[in-house]
Protein backbone atom coordinates (compact mmCIF):
# COMPACT_ATOMS: atom_id res chain seq x y z
CA UNK A 1 0.00 0.00 0.00
CA UNK A 2 1.07 3.56 -0.68
CA UNK A 3 -0.20 6.92 0.52
CA UNK A 4 0.60 10.60 0.28
CA UNK A 5 0.89 12.36 3.62
CA UNK A 6 0.56 16.14 3.55
CA UNK A 7 2.25 17.76 6.54
CA UNK A 8 1.81 21.17 8.14
CA UNK A 9 4.75 22.22 10.28
CA UNK A 10 5.10 24.36 13.39
CA UNK A 11 8.87 24.38 12.94
CA UNK A 12 11.37 24.60 10.07
CA UNK A 13 9.98 22.51 7.16
CA UNK A 14 13.51 21.67 6.00
CA UNK A 15 14.22 20.00 9.36
CA UNK A 16 10.93 18.08 9.14
CA UNK A 17 11.77 16.86 5.62
CA UNK A 18 15.20 15.65 6.75
CA UNK A 19 13.64 13.79 9.68
CA UNK A 20 10.93 12.21 7.52
CA UNK A 21 13.49 10.93 5.02
CA UNK A 22 15.08 8.89 7.82
CA UNK A 23 11.85 7.09 8.77
CA UNK A 24 11.18 3.51 7.73
CA UNK A 25 8.32 3.42 5.24
CA UNK A 26 8.92 6.92 3.85
CA UNK A 27 9.85 6.55 0.17
CA UNK A 28 10.14 10.27 -0.48
CA UNK A 29 9.67 13.54 1.41
CA UNK A 30 9.73 16.99 -0.17
CA UNK A 31 9.03 20.59 0.73
CA UNK A 32 6.18 22.37 -1.08
CA UNK A 33 5.20 25.94 -1.86
CA UNK A 34 1.76 26.80 -0.50
CA UNK A 35 -0.33 26.17 2.60
CA UNK A 36 0.91 22.59 2.95
CA UNK A 37 4.64 22.73 3.61
CA UNK A 38 5.72 19.09 3.23
CA UNK A 39 4.55 15.99 1.39
CA UNK A 40 5.71 12.44 2.01
CA UNK A 41 5.12 9.36 -0.11
CA UNK A 42 4.89 6.35 2.20
CA UNK A 43 4.70 2.62 1.62
CA UNK A 44 3.78 -0.35 3.79
CA UNK A 45 2.65 -3.95 3.24
CA UNK A 46 -0.79 -3.47 4.85
CA UNK A 47 -3.07 -0.92 6.51
CA UNK A 48 -1.80 -1.59 10.03
CA UNK A 49 1.79 -0.98 8.94
CA UNK A 50 0.71 2.11 7.00
CA UNK A 51 -0.94 3.43 10.18
CA UNK A 52 2.35 2.94 12.04
CA UNK A 53 4.26 4.98 9.47
CA UNK A 54 1.69 7.77 9.86
CA UNK A 55 2.05 7.62 13.66
CA UNK A 56 5.83 7.83 13.25
CA UNK A 57 5.43 10.90 11.03
CA UNK A 58 3.16 12.58 13.59
CA UNK A 59 5.80 11.96 16.27
CA UNK A 60 8.46 13.92 14.35
CA UNK A 61 9.41 17.22 16.02
CA UNK A 62 7.90 20.12 14.11
CA UNK A 63 4.93 18.20 12.67
CA UNK A 64 1.72 20.00 13.58
CA UNK A 65 -0.91 18.29 11.39
CA UNK A 66 -1.10 15.51 8.80
CA UNK A 67 -3.60 14.70 6.06
CA UNK A 68 -3.25 11.24 4.52
CA UNK A 69 -4.50 10.11 1.10
CA UNK A 70 -4.24 6.39 0.34
CA UNK A 71 -3.33 5.70 -3.27
CA UNK A 72 -5.67 3.42 -5.21
CA UNK A 73 -5.63 1.92 -8.67
CA UNK A 74 -8.26 3.38 -11.00
PDB file of N, CA and C in Angstrom:
ATOM      1  N   UNK A   1       0.839  -1.174   0.000  1.00  0.00           N
ATOM      2  CA  UNK A   1       0.000   0.000   0.000  1.00  0.00           C
ATOM      3  C   UNK A   1       0.884   1.237   0.000  1.00  0.00           C
ATOM      4  N   UNK A   2       0.373   2.281  -0.665  1.00  0.00           N
ATOM      5  CA  UNK A   2       1.071   3.556  -0.679  1.00  0.00           C
ATOM      6  C   UNK A   2       0.096   4.679  -0.344  1.00  0.00           C
ATOM      7  N   UNK A   3       0.633   5.753   0.194  1.00  0.00           N
ATOM      8  CA  UNK A   3      -0.197   6.918   0.515  1.00  0.00           C
ATOM      9  C   UNK A   3       0.659   8.169   0.432  1.00  0.00           C
ATOM     10  N   UNK A   4      -0.022   9.287   0.176  1.00  0.00           N
ATOM     11  CA  UNK A   4       0.601  10.596   0.282  1.00  0.00           C
ATOM     12  C   UNK A   4       0.206  11.167   1.639  1.00  0.00           C
ATOM     13  N   UNK A   5       1.171  11.713   2.354  1.00  0.00           N
ATOM     14  CA  UNK A   5       0.891  12.364   3.624  1.00  0.00           C
ATOM     15  C   UNK A   5       1.299  13.824   3.485  1.00  0.00           C
ATOM     16  N   UNK A   6       0.323  14.711   3.600  1.00  0.00           N
ATOM     17  CA  UNK A   6       0.562  16.144   3.553  1.00  0.00           C
ATOM     18  C   UNK A   6       0.776  16.626   4.982  1.00  0.00           C
ATOM     19  N   UNK A   7       1.828  17.392   5.196  1.00  0.00           N
ATOM     20  CA  UNK A   7       2.254  17.763   6.543  1.00  0.00           C
ATOM     21  C   UNK A   7       2.306  19.279   6.691  1.00  0.00           C
ATOM     22  N   UNK A   8       1.662  19.775   7.740  1.00  0.00           N
ATOM     23  CA  UNK A   8       1.806  21.172   8.136  1.00  0.00           C
ATOM     24  C   UNK A   8       2.768  21.207   9.314  1.00  0.00           C
ATOM     25  N   UNK A   9       3.673  22.169   9.298  1.00  0.00           N
ATOM     26  CA  UNK A   9       4.749  22.221  10.284  1.00  0.00           C
ATOM     27  C   UNK A   9       4.579  23.408  11.220  1.00  0.00           C
ATOM     28  N   UNK A  10       5.021  23.234  12.468  1.00  0.00           N
ATOM     29  CA  UNK A  10       5.102  24.363  13.388  1.00  0.00           C
ATOM     30  C   UNK A  10       6.564  24.693  13.668  1.00  0.00           C
ATOM     31  N   UNK A  11       7.436  24.153  12.836  1.00  0.00           N
ATOM     32  CA  UNK A  11       8.872  24.377  12.942  1.00  0.00           C
ATOM     33  C   UNK A  11       9.427  24.470  11.519  1.00  0.00           C
ATOM     34  N   UNK A  12      10.715  24.479  11.367  1.00  0.00           N
ATOM     35  CA  UNK A  12      11.368  24.595  10.069  1.00  0.00           C
ATOM     36  C   UNK A  12      11.024  23.405   9.170  1.00  0.00           C
ATOM     37  N   UNK A  13      10.341  23.622   8.043  1.00  0.00           N
ATOM     38  CA  UNK A  13       9.979  22.513   7.156  1.00  0.00           C
ATOM     39  C   UNK A  13      11.191  21.723   6.657  1.00  0.00           C
ATOM     40  N   UNK A  14      12.318  22.372   6.470  1.00  0.00           N
ATOM     41  CA  UNK A  14      13.512  21.669   6.004  1.00  0.00           C
ATOM     42  C   UNK A  14      13.962  20.625   7.023  1.00  0.00           C
ATOM     43  N   UNK A  15      13.866  20.956   8.301  1.00  0.00           N
ATOM     44  CA  UNK A  15      14.217  19.998   9.356  1.00  0.00           C
ATOM     45  C   UNK A  15      13.234  18.831   9.363  1.00  0.00           C
ATOM     46  N   UNK A  16      11.955  19.131   9.171  1.00  0.00           N
ATOM     47  CA  UNK A  16      10.932  18.081   9.139  1.00  0.00           C
ATOM     48  C   UNK A  16      11.198  17.140   7.968  1.00  0.00           C
ATOM     49  N   UNK A  17      11.489  17.687   6.802  1.00  0.00           N
ATOM     50  CA  UNK A  17      11.773  16.863   5.623  1.00  0.00           C
ATOM     51  C   UNK A  17      12.958  15.943   5.893  1.00  0.00           C
ATOM     52  N   UNK A  18      14.020  16.482   6.455  1.00  0.00           N
ATOM     53  CA  UNK A  18      15.197  15.648   6.751  1.00  0.00           C
ATOM     54  C   UNK A  18      14.847  14.520   7.710  1.00  0.00           C
ATOM     55  N   UNK A  19      14.039  14.813   8.712  1.00  0.00           N
ATOM     56  CA  UNK A  19      13.637  13.785   9.677  1.00  0.00           C
ATOM     57  C   UNK A  19      12.752  12.725   9.028  1.00  0.00           C
ATOM     58  N   UNK A  20      11.826  13.159   8.175  1.00  0.00           N
ATOM     59  CA  UNK A  20      10.927  12.206   7.515  1.00  0.00           C
ATOM     60  C   UNK A  20      11.700  11.259   6.611  1.00  0.00           C
ATOM     61  N   UNK A  21      12.708  11.767   5.938  1.00  0.00           N
ATOM     62  CA  UNK A  21      13.493  10.934   5.019  1.00  0.00           C
ATOM     63  C   UNK A  21      14.215   9.798   5.738  1.00  0.00           C
ATOM     64  N   UNK A  22      14.407   9.935   7.039  1.00  0.00           N
ATOM     65  CA  UNK A  22      15.080   8.891   7.825  1.00  0.00           C
ATOM     66  C   UNK A  22      14.129   7.827   8.352  1.00  0.00           C
ATOM     67  N   UNK A  23      12.825   8.035   8.221  1.00  0.00           N
ATOM     68  CA  UNK A  23      11.853   7.091   8.773  1.00  0.00           C
ATOM     69  C   UNK A  23      11.646   5.883   7.859  1.00  0.00           C
ATOM     70  N   UNK A  24      11.537   4.722   8.476  1.00  0.00           N
ATOM     71  CA  UNK A  24      11.181   3.514   7.729  1.00  0.00           C
ATOM     72  C   UNK A  24       9.787   3.691   7.146  1.00  0.00           C
ATOM     73  N   UNK A  25       9.614   3.317   5.900  1.00  0.00           N
ATOM     74  CA  UNK A  25       8.323   3.422   5.236  1.00  0.00           C
ATOM     75  C   UNK A  25       8.137   4.693   4.433  1.00  0.00           C
ATOM     76  N   UNK A  26       9.004   5.677   4.627  1.00  0.00           N
ATOM     77  CA  UNK A  26       8.922   6.916   3.852  1.00  0.00           C
ATOM     78  C   UNK A  26       9.790   6.748   2.608  1.00  0.00           C
ATOM     79  N   UNK A  27       9.133   6.702   1.441  1.00  0.00           N
ATOM     80  CA  UNK A  27       9.847   6.547   0.174  1.00  0.00           C
ATOM     81  C   UNK A  27      10.423   7.869  -0.310  1.00  0.00           C
ATOM     82  N   UNK A  28       9.713   8.955  -0.015  1.00  0.00           N
ATOM     83  CA  UNK A  28      10.136  10.274  -0.479  1.00  0.00           C
ATOM     84  C   UNK A  28       9.493  11.332   0.406  1.00  0.00           C
ATOM     85  N   UNK A  29      10.223  12.399   0.678  1.00  0.00           N
ATOM     86  CA  UNK A  29       9.674  13.541   1.408  1.00  0.00           C
ATOM     87  C   UNK A  29      10.228  14.802   0.767  1.00  0.00           C
ATOM     88  N   UNK A  30       9.345  15.761   0.514  1.00  0.00           N
ATOM     89  CA  UNK A  30       9.734  16.991  -0.165  1.00  0.00           C
ATOM     90  C   UNK A  30       9.012  18.187   0.438  1.00  0.00           C
ATOM     91  N   UNK A  31       9.666  19.345   0.361  1.00  0.00           N
ATOM     92  CA  UNK A  31       9.026  20.594   0.728  1.00  0.00           C
ATOM     93  C   UNK A  31       8.160  21.088  -0.420  1.00  0.00           C
ATOM     94  N   UNK A  32       7.117  21.840  -0.090  1.00  0.00           N
ATOM     95  CA  UNK A  32       6.185  22.372  -1.085  1.00  0.00           C
ATOM     96  C   UNK A  32       6.019  23.867  -0.897  1.00  0.00           C
ATOM     97  N   UNK A  33       5.665  24.566  -1.958  1.00  0.00           N
ATOM     98  CA  UNK A  33       5.199  25.939  -1.859  1.00  0.00           C
ATOM     99  C   UNK A  33       3.701  25.883  -1.600  1.00  0.00           C
ATOM    100  N   UNK A  34       3.193  26.762  -0.753  1.00  0.00           N
ATOM    101  CA  UNK A  34       1.760  26.802  -0.498  1.00  0.00           C
ATOM    102  C   UNK A  34       1.435  26.540   0.953  1.00  0.00           C
ATOM    103  N   UNK A  35       0.147  26.347   1.222  1.00  0.00           N
ATOM    104  CA  UNK A  35      -0.325  26.169   2.599  1.00  0.00           C
ATOM    105  C   UNK A  35       0.223  24.896   3.232  1.00  0.00           C
ATOM    106  N   UNK A  36       0.316  23.836   2.461  1.00  0.00           N
ATOM    107  CA  UNK A  36       0.906  22.593   2.951  1.00  0.00           C
ATOM    108  C   UNK A  36       2.400  22.661   2.679  1.00  0.00           C
ATOM    109  N   UNK A  37       3.200  22.477   3.718  1.00  0.00           N
ATOM    110  CA  UNK A  37       4.639  22.725   3.605  1.00  0.00           C
ATOM    111  C   UNK A  37       5.464  21.512   3.187  1.00  0.00           C
ATOM    112  N   UNK A  38       4.946  20.315   3.482  1.00  0.00           N
ATOM    113  CA  UNK A  38       5.717  19.092   3.227  1.00  0.00           C
ATOM    114  C   UNK A  38       4.776  18.010   2.729  1.00  0.00           C
ATOM    115  N   UNK A  39       5.285  17.174   1.833  1.00  0.00           N
ATOM    116  CA  UNK A  39       4.553  15.993   1.391  1.00  0.00           C
ATOM    117  C   UNK A  39       5.488  14.794   1.463  1.00  0.00           C
ATOM    118  N   UNK A  40       4.949  13.680   1.962  1.00  0.00           N
ATOM    119  CA  UNK A  40       5.714  12.442   2.012  1.00  0.00           C
ATOM    120  C   UNK A  40       4.946  11.358   1.262  1.00  0.00           C
ATOM    121  N   UNK A  41       5.675  10.553   0.520  1.00  0.00           N
ATOM    122  CA  UNK A  41       5.122   9.355  -0.107  1.00  0.00           C
ATOM    123  C   UNK A  41       5.552   8.200   0.775  1.00  0.00           C
ATOM    124  N   UNK A  42       4.571   7.442   1.285  1.00  0.00           N
ATOM    125  CA  UNK A  42       4.891   6.350   2.195  1.00  0.00           C
ATOM    126  C   UNK A  42       4.424   5.027   1.614  1.00  0.00           C
ATOM    127  N   UNK A  43       5.019   3.948   2.115  1.00  0.00           N
ATOM    128  CA  UNK A  43       4.704   2.619   1.617  1.00  0.00           C
ATOM    129  C   UNK A  43       4.757   1.633   2.780  1.00  0.00           C
ATOM    130  N   UNK A  44       3.819   0.690   2.779  1.00  0.00           N
ATOM    131  CA  UNK A  44       3.779  -0.351   3.794  1.00  0.00           C
ATOM    132  C   UNK A  44       3.041  -1.563   3.217  1.00  0.00           C
ATOM    133  N   UNK A  45       3.267  -2.742   3.785  1.00  0.00           N
ATOM    134  CA  UNK A  45       2.647  -3.947   3.236  1.00  0.00           C
ATOM    135  C   UNK A  45       1.144  -4.059   3.490  1.00  0.00           C
ATOM    136  N   UNK A  46       0.638  -3.389   4.534  1.00  0.00           N
ATOM    137  CA  UNK A  46      -0.792  -3.475   4.849  1.00  0.00           C
ATOM    138  C   UNK A  46      -1.223  -2.213   5.594  1.00  0.00           C
ATOM    139  N   UNK A  47      -2.519  -2.121   5.881  1.00  0.00           N
ATOM    140  CA  UNK A  47      -3.070  -0.921   6.505  1.00  0.00           C
ATOM    141  C   UNK A  47      -2.508  -0.692   7.904  1.00  0.00           C
ATOM    142  N   UNK A  48      -2.343  -1.746   8.672  1.00  0.00           N
ATOM    143  CA  UNK A  48      -1.804  -1.590  10.028  1.00  0.00           C
ATOM    144  C   UNK A  48      -0.390  -1.006   9.980  1.00  0.00           C
ATOM    145  N   UNK A  49       0.424  -1.491   9.072  1.00  0.00           N
ATOM    146  CA  UNK A  49       1.789  -0.978   8.938  1.00  0.00           C
ATOM    147  C   UNK A  49       1.777   0.451   8.411  1.00  0.00           C
ATOM    148  N   UNK A  50       0.845   0.753   7.505  1.00  0.00           N
ATOM    149  CA  UNK A  50       0.707   2.115   7.000  1.00  0.00           C
ATOM    150  C   UNK A  50       0.342   3.063   8.143  1.00  0.00           C
ATOM    151  N   UNK A  51      -0.576   2.630   9.012  1.00  0.00           N
ATOM    152  CA  UNK A  51      -0.940   3.426  10.181  1.00  0.00           C
ATOM    153  C   UNK A  51       0.279   3.719  11.045  1.00  0.00           C
ATOM    154  N   UNK A  52       1.165   2.741  11.208  1.00  0.00           N
ATOM    155  CA  UNK A  52       2.345   2.943  12.038  1.00  0.00           C
ATOM    156  C   UNK A  52       3.281   3.981  11.436  1.00  0.00           C
ATOM    157  N   UNK A  53       3.427   3.964  10.118  1.00  0.00           N
ATOM    158  CA  UNK A  53       4.265   4.979   9.472  1.00  0.00           C
ATOM    159  C   UNK A  53       3.679   6.374   9.713  1.00  0.00           C
ATOM    160  N   UNK A  54       2.356   6.493   9.622  1.00  0.00           N
ATOM    161  CA  UNK A  54       1.693   7.775   9.860  1.00  0.00           C
ATOM    162  C   UNK A  54       1.899   8.223  11.306  1.00  0.00           C
ATOM    163  N   UNK A  55       1.799   7.308  12.245  1.00  0.00           N
ATOM    164  CA  UNK A  55       2.051   7.620  13.657  1.00  0.00           C
ATOM    165  C   UNK A  55       3.486   8.103  13.832  1.00  0.00           C
ATOM    166  N   UNK A  56       4.423   7.427  13.172  1.00  0.00           N
ATOM    167  CA  UNK A  56       5.831   7.829  13.252  1.00  0.00           C
ATOM    168  C   UNK A  56       6.035   9.237  12.696  1.00  0.00           C
ATOM    169  N   UNK A  57       5.332   9.557  11.610  1.00  0.00           N
ATOM    170  CA  UNK A  57       5.425  10.899  11.031  1.00  0.00           C
ATOM    171  C   UNK A  57       4.885  11.927  12.018  1.00  0.00           C
ATOM    172  N   UNK A  58       3.757  11.633  12.639  1.00  0.00           N
ATOM    173  CA  UNK A  58       3.160  12.584  13.591  1.00  0.00           C
ATOM    174  C   UNK A  58       4.048  12.815  14.807  1.00  0.00           C
ATOM    175  N   UNK A  59       4.901  11.845  15.120  1.00  0.00           N
ATOM    176  CA  UNK A  59       5.805  11.963  16.268  1.00  0.00           C
ATOM    177  C   UNK A  59       7.059  12.782  15.973  1.00  0.00           C
ATOM    178  N   UNK A  60       7.278  13.150  14.719  1.00  0.00           N
ATOM    179  CA  UNK A  60       8.459  13.922  14.354  1.00  0.00           C
ATOM    180  C   UNK A  60       8.328  15.342  14.905  1.00  0.00           C
ATOM    181  N   UNK A  61       9.400  15.843  15.524  1.00  0.00           N
ATOM    182  CA  UNK A  61       9.407  17.217  16.021  1.00  0.00           C
ATOM    183  C   UNK A  61       9.130  18.185  14.871  1.00  0.00           C
ATOM    184  N   UNK A  62       8.234  19.112  15.113  1.00  0.00           N
ATOM    185  CA  UNK A  62       7.896  20.116  14.111  1.00  0.00           C
ATOM    186  C   UNK A  62       6.665  19.793  13.296  1.00  0.00           C
ATOM    187  N   UNK A  63       6.145  18.564  13.392  1.00  0.00           N
ATOM    188  CA  UNK A  63       4.926  18.198  12.667  1.00  0.00           C
ATOM    189  C   UNK A  63       3.722  18.641  13.494  1.00  0.00           C
ATOM    190  N   UNK A  64       2.908  19.487  12.897  1.00  0.00           N
ATOM    191  CA  UNK A  64       1.721  20.001  13.581  1.00  0.00           C
ATOM    192  C   UNK A  64       0.461  19.235  13.192  1.00  0.00           C
ATOM    193  N   UNK A  65       0.334  18.884  11.906  1.00  0.00           N
ATOM    194  CA  UNK A  65      -0.905  18.290  11.386  1.00  0.00           C
ATOM    195  C   UNK A  65      -0.565  17.444  10.177  1.00  0.00           C
ATOM    196  N   UNK A  66      -1.276  16.317  10.007  1.00  0.00           N
ATOM    197  CA  UNK A  66      -1.103  15.508   8.802  1.00  0.00           C
ATOM    198  C   UNK A  66      -2.452  15.233   8.161  1.00  0.00           C
ATOM    199  N   UNK A  67      -2.428  15.062   6.852  1.00  0.00           N
ATOM    200  CA  UNK A  67      -3.605  14.704   6.064  1.00  0.00           C
ATOM    201  C   UNK A  67      -3.158  13.610   5.112  1.00  0.00           C
ATOM    202  N   UNK A  68      -3.705  12.412   5.264  1.00  0.00           N
ATOM    203  CA  UNK A  68      -3.248  11.243   4.516  1.00  0.00           C
ATOM    204  C   UNK A  68      -4.238  10.871   3.425  1.00  0.00           C
ATOM    205  N   UNK A  69      -3.707  10.551   2.244  1.00  0.00           N
ATOM    206  CA  UNK A  69      -4.501  10.114   1.102  1.00  0.00           C
ATOM    207  C   UNK A  69      -3.932   8.789   0.603  1.00  0.00           C
ATOM    208  N   UNK A  70      -4.680   7.709   0.799  1.00  0.00           N
ATOM    209  CA  UNK A  70      -4.240   6.390   0.345  1.00  0.00           C
ATOM    210  C   UNK A  70      -4.373   6.325  -1.173  1.00  0.00           C
ATOM    211  N   UNK A  71      -3.346   5.823  -1.807  1.00  0.00           N
ATOM    212  CA  UNK A  71      -3.331   5.702  -3.273  1.00  0.00           C
ATOM    213  C   UNK A  71      -4.101   4.449  -3.669  1.00  0.00           C
ATOM    214  N   UNK A  72      -4.915   4.570  -4.706  1.00  0.00           N
ATOM    215  CA  UNK A  72      -5.672   3.416  -5.210  1.00  0.00           C
ATOM    216  C   UNK A  72      -5.520   3.331  -6.720  1.00  0.00           C
ATOM    217  N   UNK A  73      -5.656   2.127  -7.229  1.00  0.00           N
ATOM    218  CA  UNK A  73      -5.629   1.924  -8.674  1.00  0.00           C
ATOM    219  C   UNK A  73      -6.983   2.264  -9.254  1.00  0.00           C
ATOM    220  N   UNK A  74      -6.992   3.078 -10.325  1.00  0.00           N
ATOM    221  CA  UNK A  74      -8.259   3.381 -10.997  1.00  0.00           C
ATOM    222  C   UNK A  74      -8.076   3.233 -12.490  1.00  0.00           C
TER     223      UNK A  74
END
